[in-house]
């Protein structure tokens, strides 16, 4: 057998800005890296562990059972089935059709949104302006991925799933998204025949987010494994990867069940 590959100095960003690299392209590469890169002795020592012990912990994550192409097929089938049952347009922001993909930030945690220091969320008013930073993981993909990512970030690195936004909070977000100037300009720039399809419902947005929720968990689970191979930062990356990959497997069904309950 060939020797394990050495981890690079830093984990790769998802894609240079301006490319058409997709969410699934990144996941395929990250899965290969997460399985192939060996652990640096310094990374193991920083956690009071050994390279051998960290290899064993990675083996326990079940990475060999993950197939990205199979996952894309499952998402496409689930989207088509749910859209048909719920009467949601199948052509709006498909989870698998690259023609419908949009630019994604891919790290939409609160710390990457900058607002005026004098603004307070409890005011009930939007900030005068908001700036977004940290585009190193940017690529193109299903818009539901970014929204799912943002919602999951409410749980923090502790993965406290009780902090995830409830249905009312998610729906407020969708309504704000629908009413935003950017969203409206996208709709109004289309022909009258396609405007109705673009003005999709809250239900269709919730479906996209439900489908992309496990993909977000997979994304950050693989990211954490890569970080564990090289980083000497005092953080349990493999423990975090285990929690995210467990959530990936669980939410492949539970996120859709949640959606049915809140939209039926």
C-alpha atoms as a PDB file:
ATOM      1  CA  UNK A   1       0.000   0.000   0.000  1.00  0.00           C
ATOM      2  CA  UNK A   2       1.182   3.500  -0.707  1.00  0.00           C
ATOM      3  CA  UNK A   3       2.183   5.771   2.146  1.00  0.00           C
ATOM      4  CA  UNK A   4      -0.402   8.300   3.351  1.00  0.00           C
ATOM      5  CA  UNK A   5      -0.135  11.706   1.747  1.00  0.00           C
ATOM      6  CA  UNK A   6       1.257  14.515   3.837  1.00  0.00           C
ATOM      7  CA  UNK A   7      -1.124  17.296   4.756  1.00  0.00           C
ATOM      8  CA  UNK A   8      -0.275  20.671   3.181  1.00  0.00           C
ATOM      9  CA  UNK A   9       0.569  23.758   5.205  1.00  0.00           C
ATOM     10  CA  UNK A  10      -3.080  24.765   5.251  1.00  0.00           C
ATOM     11  CA  UNK A  11      -6.376  23.309   4.107  1.00  0.00           C
ATOM     12  CA  UNK A  12      -7.381  24.479   0.621  1.00  0.00           C
ATOM     13  CA  UNK A  13      -9.983  27.138   0.092  1.00  0.00           C
ATOM     14  CA  UNK A  14     -13.000  25.872  -1.797  1.00  0.00           C
ATOM     15  CA  UNK A  15     -12.355  27.724  -5.062  1.00  0.00           C
ATOM     16  CA  UNK A  16     -10.815  30.911  -6.446  1.00  0.00           C
ATOM     17  CA  UNK A  17     -13.435  33.608  -6.901  1.00  0.00           C
ATOM     18  CA  UNK A  18     -14.703  33.655 -10.466  1.00  0.00           C
ATOM     19  CA  UNK A  19     -14.527  29.915 -11.091  1.00  0.00           C
ATOM     20  CA  UNK A  20     -17.490  27.611 -11.681  1.00  0.00           C
ATOM     21  CA  UNK A  21     -16.372  25.074  -9.127  1.00  0.00           C
ATOM     22  CA  UNK A  22     -19.441  23.691  -7.405  1.00  0.00           C
ATOM     23  CA  UNK A  23     -20.322  22.617  -3.885  1.00  0.00           C
ATOM     24  CA  UNK A  24     -20.121  18.998  -4.983  1.00  0.00           C
ATOM     25  CA  UNK A  25     -16.716  19.463  -6.664  1.00  0.00           C
ATOM     26  CA  UNK A  26     -15.379  20.769  -3.361  1.00  0.00           C
ATOM     27  CA  UNK A  27     -16.928  17.926  -1.397  1.00  0.00           C
ATOM     28  CA  UNK A  28     -15.375  15.332  -3.711  1.00  0.00           C
ATOM     29  CA  UNK A  29     -11.922  16.862  -3.217  1.00  0.00           C
ATOM     30  CA  UNK A  30     -12.343  17.295   0.527  1.00  0.00           C
ATOM     31  CA  UNK A  31     -13.490  13.683   0.929  1.00  0.00           C
ATOM     32  CA  UNK A  32     -10.388  12.473  -0.914  1.00  0.00           C
ATOM     33  CA  UNK A  33      -8.173  14.687   1.241  1.00  0.00           C
ATOM     34  CA  UNK A  34      -9.881  13.740   4.489  1.00  0.00           C
ATOM     35  CA  UNK A  35      -9.237  10.058   3.768  1.00  0.00           C
ATOM     36  CA  UNK A  36      -5.725  10.399   2.315  1.00  0.00           C
ATOM     37  CA  UNK A  37      -3.874  13.041   4.323  1.00  0.00           C
ATOM     38  CA  UNK A  38      -1.809  11.729   7.195  1.00  0.00           C
ATOM     39  CA  UNK A  39      -1.654  13.409  10.594  1.00  0.00           C
ATOM     40  CA  UNK A  40       1.304  15.589  11.440  1.00  0.00           C
ATOM     41  CA  UNK A  41       3.091  14.610  14.644  1.00  0.00           C
ATOM     42  CA  UNK A  42       2.815  18.207  15.855  1.00  0.00           C
ATOM     43  CA  UNK A  43      -0.965  18.135  15.358  1.00  0.00           C
ATOM     44  CA  UNK A  44      -1.245  14.930  17.372  1.00  0.00           C
ATOM     45  CA  UNK A  45       1.074  16.190  20.122  1.00  0.00           C
ATOM     46  CA  UNK A  46      -0.958  19.400  20.478  1.00  0.00           C
ATOM     47  CA  UNK A  47      -3.898  17.228  21.515  1.00  0.00           C
ATOM     48  CA  UNK A  48      -1.906  14.913  23.776  1.00  0.00           C
ATOM     49  CA  UNK A  49      -2.378  12.115  21.273  1.00  0.00           C
ATOM     50  CA  UNK A  50      -0.389  10.116  18.747  1.00  0.00           C
ATOM     51  CA  UNK A  51      -0.571   9.850  14.986  1.00  0.00           C
ATOM     52  CA  UNK A  52      -1.685   6.229  15.340  1.00  0.00           C
ATOM     53  CA  UNK A  53      -4.509   7.122  17.733  1.00  0.00           C
ATOM     54  CA  UNK A  54      -5.732   9.915  15.477  1.00  0.00           C
ATOM     55  CA  UNK A  55      -5.700   7.591  12.464  1.00  0.00           C
ATOM     56  CA  UNK A  56      -7.863   5.165  14.426  1.00  0.00           C
ATOM     57  CA  UNK A  57     -10.247   7.978  15.404  1.00  0.00           C
ATOM     58  CA  UNK A  58     -10.559   8.999  11.752  1.00  0.00           C
ATOM     59  CA  UNK A  59     -11.217   5.398  10.703  1.00  0.00           C
ATOM     60  CA  UNK A  60     -14.134   5.355  13.160  1.00  0.00           C
ATOM     61  CA  UNK A  61     -15.807   8.241  11.294  1.00  0.00           C
ATOM     62  CA  UNK A  62     -16.872   5.971   8.426  1.00  0.00           C
ATOM     63  CA  UNK A  63     -15.532   8.145   5.623  1.00  0.00           C
ATOM     64  CA  UNK A  64     -15.226   5.175   3.262  1.00  0.00           C
ATOM     65  CA  UNK A  65     -19.006   4.779   3.310  1.00  0.00           C
ATOM     66  CA  UNK A  66     -19.593   8.309   1.969  1.00  0.00           C
ATOM     67  CA  UNK A  67     -20.118   8.671  -1.794  1.00  0.00           C
ATOM     68  CA  UNK A  68     -20.651  12.236  -3.034  1.00  0.00           C
ATOM     69  CA  UNK A  69     -22.134  11.224  -6.378  1.00  0.00           C
ATOM     70  CA  UNK A  70     -24.567   8.934  -4.606  1.00  0.00           C
ATOM     71  CA  UNK A  71     -25.490  11.806  -2.312  1.00  0.00           C
ATOM     72  CA  UNK A  72     -26.162  14.140  -5.258  1.00  0.00           C
ATOM     73  CA  UNK A  73     -28.434  11.506  -6.789  1.00  0.00           C
ATOM     74  CA  UNK A  74     -30.305  11.096  -3.508  1.00  0.00           C
ATOM     75  CA  UNK A  75     -30.800  14.855  -3.235  1.00  0.00           C
ATOM     76  CA  UNK A  76     -32.098  15.137  -6.784  1.00  0.00           C
ATOM     77  CA  UNK A  77     -34.553  12.279  -6.254  1.00  0.00           C
ATOM     78  CA  UNK A  78     -35.735  13.643  -2.910  1.00  0.00           C
ATOM     79  CA  UNK A  79     -36.201  17.127  -4.359  1.00  0.00           C
ATOM     80  CA  UNK A  80     -38.236  15.829  -7.283  1.00  0.00           C
ATOM     81  CA  UNK A  81     -40.378  13.611  -5.069  1.00  0.00           C
ATOM     82  CA  UNK A  82     -41.065  16.229  -2.407  1.00  0.00           C
ATOM     83  CA  UNK A  83     -41.632  18.997  -4.932  1.00  0.00           C
ATOM     84  CA  UNK A  84     -44.193  16.878  -6.726  1.00  0.00           C
ATOM     85  CA  UNK A  85     -46.073  15.970  -3.552  1.00  0.00           C
ATOM     86  CA  UNK A  86     -46.058  19.491  -2.112  1.00  0.00           C
ATOM     87  CA  UNK A  87     -46.756  21.267  -5.404  1.00  0.00           C
ATOM     88  CA  UNK A  88     -43.425  23.102  -5.329  1.00  0.00           C
ATOM     89  CA  UNK A  89     -41.818  24.042  -8.625  1.00  0.00           C
ATOM     90  CA  UNK A  90     -39.130  21.527  -9.549  1.00  0.00           C
ATOM     91  CA  UNK A  91     -37.284  24.063 -11.669  1.00  0.00           C
ATOM     92  CA  UNK A  92     -36.520  26.647  -8.973  1.00  0.00           C
ATOM     93  CA  UNK A  93     -32.965  26.525  -7.601  1.00  0.00           C
ATOM     94  CA  UNK A  94     -32.575  22.797  -8.101  1.00  0.00           C
ATOM     95  CA  UNK A  95     -30.244  21.112  -5.637  1.00  0.00           C
ATOM     96  CA  UNK A  96     -28.490  19.229  -8.423  1.00  0.00           C
ATOM     97  CA  UNK A  97     -28.844  21.255 -11.640  1.00  0.00           C
ATOM     98  CA  UNK A  98     -25.690  23.328 -12.157  1.00  0.00           C
ATOM     99  CA  UNK A  99     -27.601  25.701 -14.431  1.00  0.00           C
ATOM    100  CA  UNK A 100     -29.553  26.874 -11.369  1.00  0.00           C
ATOM    101  CA  UNK A 101     -26.527  27.302  -9.085  1.00  0.00           C
ATOM    102  CA  UNK A 102     -25.629  30.685  -7.584  1.00  0.00           C
ATOM    103  CA  UNK A 103     -22.497  32.154  -5.946  1.00  0.00           C
ATOM    104  CA  UNK A 104     -22.206  30.913  -2.359  1.00  0.00           C
ATOM    105  CA  UNK A 105     -20.300  32.363   0.574  1.00  0.00           C
ATOM    106  CA  UNK A 106     -20.175  28.987   2.366  1.00  0.00           C
ATOM    107  CA  UNK A 107     -19.173  30.322   5.788  1.00  0.00           C
ATOM    108  CA  UNK A 108     -22.201  32.396   6.748  1.00  0.00           C
ATOM    109  CA  UNK A 109     -21.671  32.579  10.498  1.00  0.00           C
ATOM    110  CA  UNK A 110     -22.599  35.782  12.333  1.00  0.00           C
ATOM    111  CA  UNK A 111     -18.976  36.913  12.671  1.00  0.00           C
ATOM    112  CA  UNK A 112     -18.668  37.291   8.911  1.00  0.00           C
ATOM    113  CA  UNK A 113     -21.425  39.931   8.739  1.00  0.00           C
ATOM    114  CA  UNK A 114     -20.353  43.405   9.808  1.00  0.00           C
ATOM    115  CA  UNK A 115     -22.894  46.023  10.918  1.00  0.00           C
ATOM    116  CA  UNK A 116     -22.709  49.458  12.549  1.00  0.00           C
ATOM    117  CA  UNK A 117     -21.493  49.177  16.147  1.00  0.00           C
ATOM    118  CA  UNK A 118     -24.468  51.248  17.332  1.00  0.00           C
ATOM    119  CA  UNK A 119     -27.062  48.907  15.807  1.00  0.00           C
ATOM    120  CA  UNK A 120     -28.916  46.481  18.079  1.00  0.00           C
ATOM    121  CA  UNK A 121     -30.829  43.464  16.819  1.00  0.00           C
ATOM    122  CA  UNK A 122     -33.540  44.002  19.441  1.00  0.00           C
ATOM    123  CA  UNK A 123     -34.395  47.350  17.867  1.00  0.00           C
ATOM    124  CA  UNK A 124     -36.589  45.543  15.373  1.00  0.00           C
ATOM    125  CA  UNK A 125     -35.065  47.571  12.550  1.00  0.00           C
ATOM    126  CA  UNK A 126     -32.547  46.383   9.954  1.00  0.00           C
ATOM    127  CA  UNK A 127     -29.020  47.786  10.131  1.00  0.00           C
ATOM    128  CA  UNK A 128     -28.291  50.744   7.885  1.00  0.00           C
ATOM    129  CA  UNK A 129     -25.785  48.643   6.003  1.00  0.00           C
ATOM    130  CA  UNK A 130     -24.175  45.219   6.269  1.00  0.00           C
ATOM    131  CA  UNK A 131     -20.863  44.047   4.870  1.00  0.00           C
ATOM    132  CA  UNK A 132     -19.815  40.454   4.332  1.00  0.00           C
ATOM    133  CA  UNK A 133     -16.234  39.266   4.784  1.00  0.00           C
ATOM    134  CA  UNK A 134     -14.213  36.033   4.506  1.00  0.00           C
ATOM    135  CA  UNK A 135     -14.872  34.645   1.044  1.00  0.00           C
ATOM    136  CA  UNK A 136     -12.126  32.002   1.081  1.00  0.00           C
ATOM    137  CA  UNK A 137     -14.623  29.116   0.764  1.00  0.00           C
ATOM    138  CA  UNK A 138     -16.686  30.694  -1.994  1.00  0.00           C
ATOM    139  CA  UNK A 139     -17.924  28.539  -4.879  1.00  0.00           C
ATOM    140  CA  UNK A 140     -21.190  28.084  -6.766  1.00  0.00           C
ATOM    141  CA  UNK A 141     -23.978  25.755  -5.714  1.00  0.00           C
ATOM    142  CA  UNK A 142     -27.578  25.464  -4.525  1.00  0.00           C
ATOM    143  CA  UNK A 143     -28.701  28.611  -2.692  1.00  0.00           C
ATOM    144  CA  UNK A 144     -30.232  26.453   0.039  1.00  0.00           C
ATOM    145  CA  UNK A 145     -26.735  25.417   1.073  1.00  0.00           C
ATOM    146  CA  UNK A 146     -25.800  28.924   2.222  1.00  0.00           C
ATOM    147  CA  UNK A 147     -29.082  29.361   4.100  1.00  0.00           C
ATOM    148  CA  UNK A 148     -28.786  25.935   5.753  1.00  0.00           C
ATOM    149  CA  UNK A 149     -25.195  26.779   6.685  1.00  0.00           C
ATOM    150  CA  UNK A 150     -26.307  30.054   8.260  1.00  0.00           C
ATOM    151  CA  UNK A 151     -29.038  28.394  10.304  1.00  0.00           C
ATOM    152  CA  UNK A 152     -26.729  25.633  11.559  1.00  0.00           C
ATOM    153  CA  UNK A 153     -24.107  28.171  12.650  1.00  0.00           C
ATOM    154  CA  UNK A 154     -26.525  29.187  15.432  1.00  0.00           C
ATOM    155  CA  UNK A 155     -25.493  25.951  17.185  1.00  0.00           C
ATOM    156  CA  UNK A 156     -21.848  27.050  17.407  1.00  0.00           C
ATOM    157  CA  UNK A 157     -18.812  24.784  17.613  1.00  0.00           C
ATOM    158  CA  UNK A 158     -20.501  23.103  20.574  1.00  0.00           C
ATOM    159  CA  UNK A 159     -23.120  21.747  18.152  1.00  0.00           C
ATOM    160  CA  UNK A 160     -25.972  22.616  20.504  1.00  0.00           C
ATOM    161  CA  UNK A 161     -28.799  21.730  18.128  1.00  0.00           C
ATOM    162  CA  UNK A 162     -31.383  23.164  20.540  1.00  0.00           C
ATOM    163  CA  UNK A 163     -30.211  26.612  19.379  1.00  0.00           C
ATOM    164  CA  UNK A 164     -31.190  26.037  15.738  1.00  0.00           C
ATOM    165  CA  UNK A 165     -33.777  28.507  14.400  1.00  0.00           C
ATOM    166  CA  UNK A 166     -37.359  27.328  14.812  1.00  0.00           C
ATOM    167  CA  UNK A 167     -39.949  27.377  12.034  1.00  0.00           C
ATOM    168  CA  UNK A 168     -41.105  30.910  12.801  1.00  0.00           C
ATOM    169  CA  UNK A 169     -37.536  32.256  12.680  1.00  0.00           C
ATOM    170  CA  UNK A 170     -36.768  30.410   9.457  1.00  0.00           C
ATOM    171  CA  UNK A 171     -39.918  31.712   7.822  1.00  0.00           C
ATOM    172  CA  UNK A 172     -39.106  35.299   8.843  1.00  0.00           C
ATOM    173  CA  UNK A 173     -35.747  34.837   7.159  1.00  0.00           C
ATOM    174  CA  UNK A 174     -37.385  33.530   3.982  1.00  0.00           C
ATOM    175  CA  UNK A 175     -39.820  36.439   3.878  1.00  0.00           C
ATOM    176  CA  UNK A 176     -36.958  38.911   4.289  1.00  0.00           C
ATOM    177  CA  UNK A 177     -35.073  37.143   1.516  1.00  0.00           C
ATOM    178  CA  UNK A 178     -38.072  37.324  -0.789  1.00  0.00           C
ATOM    179  CA  UNK A 179     -38.574  41.023  -0.148  1.00  0.00           C
ATOM    180  CA  UNK A 180     -34.932  42.032  -0.501  1.00  0.00           C
ATOM    181  CA  UNK A 181     -33.969  44.398  -3.271  1.00  0.00           C
ATOM    182  CA  UNK A 182     -31.530  41.897  -4.737  1.00  0.00           C
ATOM    183  CA  UNK A 183     -34.195  39.206  -4.881  1.00  0.00           C
ATOM    184  CA  UNK A 184     -36.735  41.551  -6.426  1.00  0.00           C
ATOM    185  CA  UNK A 185     -34.263  42.786  -9.036  1.00  0.00           C
ATOM    186  CA  UNK A 186     -33.544  39.191 -10.052  1.00  0.00           C
ATOM    187  CA  UNK A 187     -37.241  38.525 -10.549  1.00  0.00           C
ATOM    188  CA  UNK A 188     -37.988  41.753 -12.376  1.00  0.00           C
ATOM    189  CA  UNK A 189     -35.120  41.229 -14.797  1.00  0.00           C
ATOM    190  CA  UNK A 190     -36.748  38.113 -16.170  1.00  0.00           C
ATOM    191  CA  UNK A 191     -39.488  37.814 -18.712  1.00  0.00           C
ATOM    192  CA  UNK A 192     -43.076  37.801 -17.535  1.00  0.00           C
ATOM    193  CA  UNK A 193     -43.355  34.134 -18.416  1.00  0.00           C
ATOM    194  CA  UNK A 194     -40.571  33.122 -16.028  1.00  0.00           C
ATOM    195  CA  UNK A 195     -41.264  35.627 -13.245  1.00  0.00           C
ATOM    196  CA  UNK A 196     -43.959  33.479 -11.687  1.00  0.00           C
ATOM    197  CA  UNK A 197     -41.593  30.523 -11.452  1.00  0.00           C
ATOM    198  CA  UNK A 198     -38.858  32.685  -9.915  1.00  0.00           C
ATOM    199  CA  UNK A 199     -41.180  34.123  -7.269  1.00  0.00           C
ATOM    200  CA  UNK A 200     -41.012  30.870  -5.377  1.00  0.00           C
ATOM    201  CA  UNK A 201     -42.802  30.216  -2.142  1.00  0.00           C
ATOM    202  CA  UNK A 202     -41.616  29.921   1.413  1.00  0.00           C
ATOM    203  CA  UNK A 203     -42.372  26.219   1.110  1.00  0.00           C
ATOM    204  CA  UNK A 204     -39.912  25.804  -1.765  1.00  0.00           C
ATOM    205  CA  UNK A 205     -37.201  27.663   0.171  1.00  0.00           C
ATOM    206  CA  UNK A 206     -37.806  25.464   3.201  1.00  0.00           C
ATOM    207  CA  UNK A 207     -37.517  22.378   1.008  1.00  0.00           C
ATOM    208  CA  UNK A 208     -34.175  23.514  -0.409  1.00  0.00           C
ATOM    209  CA  UNK A 209     -32.822  24.253   3.062  1.00  0.00           C
ATOM    210  CA  UNK A 210     -34.056  20.914   4.411  1.00  0.00           C
ATOM    211  CA  UNK A 211     -32.324  19.067   1.585  1.00  0.00           C
ATOM    212  CA  UNK A 212     -29.071  20.982   1.986  1.00  0.00           C
ATOM    213  CA  UNK A 213     -28.910  20.713   5.785  1.00  0.00           C
ATOM    214  CA  UNK A 214     -27.131  17.305   5.731  1.00  0.00           C
ATOM    215  CA  UNK A 215     -24.807  18.586   2.985  1.00  0.00           C
ATOM    216  CA  UNK A 216     -23.731  21.447   5.256  1.00  0.00           C
ATOM    217  CA  UNK A 217     -22.965  18.961   8.030  1.00  0.00           C
ATOM    218  CA  UNK A 218     -20.932  16.854   5.598  1.00  0.00           C
ATOM    219  CA  UNK A 219     -19.032  19.928   4.347  1.00  0.00           C
ATOM    220  CA  UNK A 220     -17.881  20.982   7.810  1.00  0.00           C
ATOM    221  CA  UNK A 221     -17.299  17.410   8.942  1.00  0.00           C
ATOM    222  CA  UNK A 222     -14.804  16.876   6.116  1.00  0.00           C
ATOM    223  CA  UNK A 223     -13.288  20.306   6.709  1.00  0.00           C
ATOM    224  CA  UNK A 224     -12.679  19.400  10.352  1.00  0.00           C
ATOM    225  CA  UNK A 225     -10.945  16.140   9.440  1.00  0.00           C
ATOM    226  CA  UNK A 226      -8.583  18.031   7.128  1.00  0.00           C
ATOM    227  CA  UNK A 227      -7.870  20.579   9.855  1.00  0.00           C
ATOM    228  CA  UNK A 228      -7.162  17.773  12.336  1.00  0.00           C
ATOM    229  CA  UNK A 229      -4.354  16.441  10.151  1.00  0.00           C
ATOM    230  CA  UNK A 230      -2.351  19.656  10.258  1.00  0.00           C
ATOM    231  CA  UNK A 231      -3.527  22.163  12.858  1.00  0.00           C
ATOM    232  CA  UNK A 232      -1.825  22.619  16.210  1.00  0.00           C
ATOM    233  CA  UNK A 233      -4.675  24.830  17.435  1.00  0.00           C
ATOM    234  CA  UNK A 234      -6.103  23.649  20.756  1.00  0.00           C
ATOM    235  CA  UNK A 235      -9.422  22.426  19.378  1.00  0.00           C
ATOM    236  CA  UNK A 236     -10.850  18.917  19.082  1.00  0.00           C
ATOM    237  CA  UNK A 237     -11.311  18.872  15.317  1.00  0.00           C
ATOM    238  CA  UNK A 238     -11.950  15.124  15.147  1.00  0.00           C
ATOM    239  CA  UNK A 239     -14.558  15.368  17.892  1.00  0.00           C
ATOM    240  CA  UNK A 240     -16.213  18.197  15.978  1.00  0.00           C
ATOM    241  CA  UNK A 241     -16.026  16.149  12.766  1.00  0.00           C
ATOM    242  CA  UNK A 242     -17.701  13.228  14.531  1.00  0.00           C
ATOM    243  CA  UNK A 243     -20.597  15.432  15.671  1.00  0.00           C
ATOM    244  CA  UNK A 244     -21.084  16.974  12.228  1.00  0.00           C
ATOM    245  CA  UNK A 245     -20.890  13.638  10.401  1.00  0.00           C
ATOM    246  CA  UNK A 246     -23.349  12.110  12.857  1.00  0.00           C
ATOM    247  CA  UNK A 247     -25.683  15.024  12.136  1.00  0.00           C
ATOM    248  CA  UNK A 248     -25.131  14.493   8.394  1.00  0.00           C
ATOM    249  CA  UNK A 249     -26.419  10.939   8.651  1.00  0.00           C
ATOM    250  CA  UNK A 250     -29.317  11.829  10.932  1.00  0.00           C
ATOM    251  CA  UNK A 251     -30.593  14.872   9.032  1.00  0.00           C
ATOM    252  CA  UNK A 252     -30.741  13.071   5.699  1.00  0.00           C
ATOM    253  CA  UNK A 253     -34.234  12.072   6.858  1.00  0.00           C
ATOM    254  CA  UNK A 254     -35.072  14.221   9.889  1.00  0.00           C
ATOM    255  CA  UNK A 255     -34.660  17.569   8.100  1.00  0.00           C
ATOM    256  CA  UNK A 256     -37.290  16.532   5.560  1.00  0.00           C
ATOM    257  CA  UNK A 257     -39.592  15.269   8.315  1.00  0.00           C
ATOM    258  CA  UNK A 258     -39.252  18.642  10.052  1.00  0.00           C
ATOM    259  CA  UNK A 259     -40.231  20.398   6.856  1.00  0.00           C
ATOM    260  CA  UNK A 260     -43.350  18.268   6.381  1.00  0.00           C
ATOM    261  CA  UNK A 261     -44.452  19.070   9.917  1.00  0.00           C
ATOM    262  CA  UNK A 262     -44.086  22.834   9.566  1.00  0.00           C
ATOM    263  CA  UNK A 263     -45.615  23.178   6.114  1.00  0.00           C
ATOM    264  CA  UNK A 264     -48.461  20.644   6.233  1.00  0.00           C
END
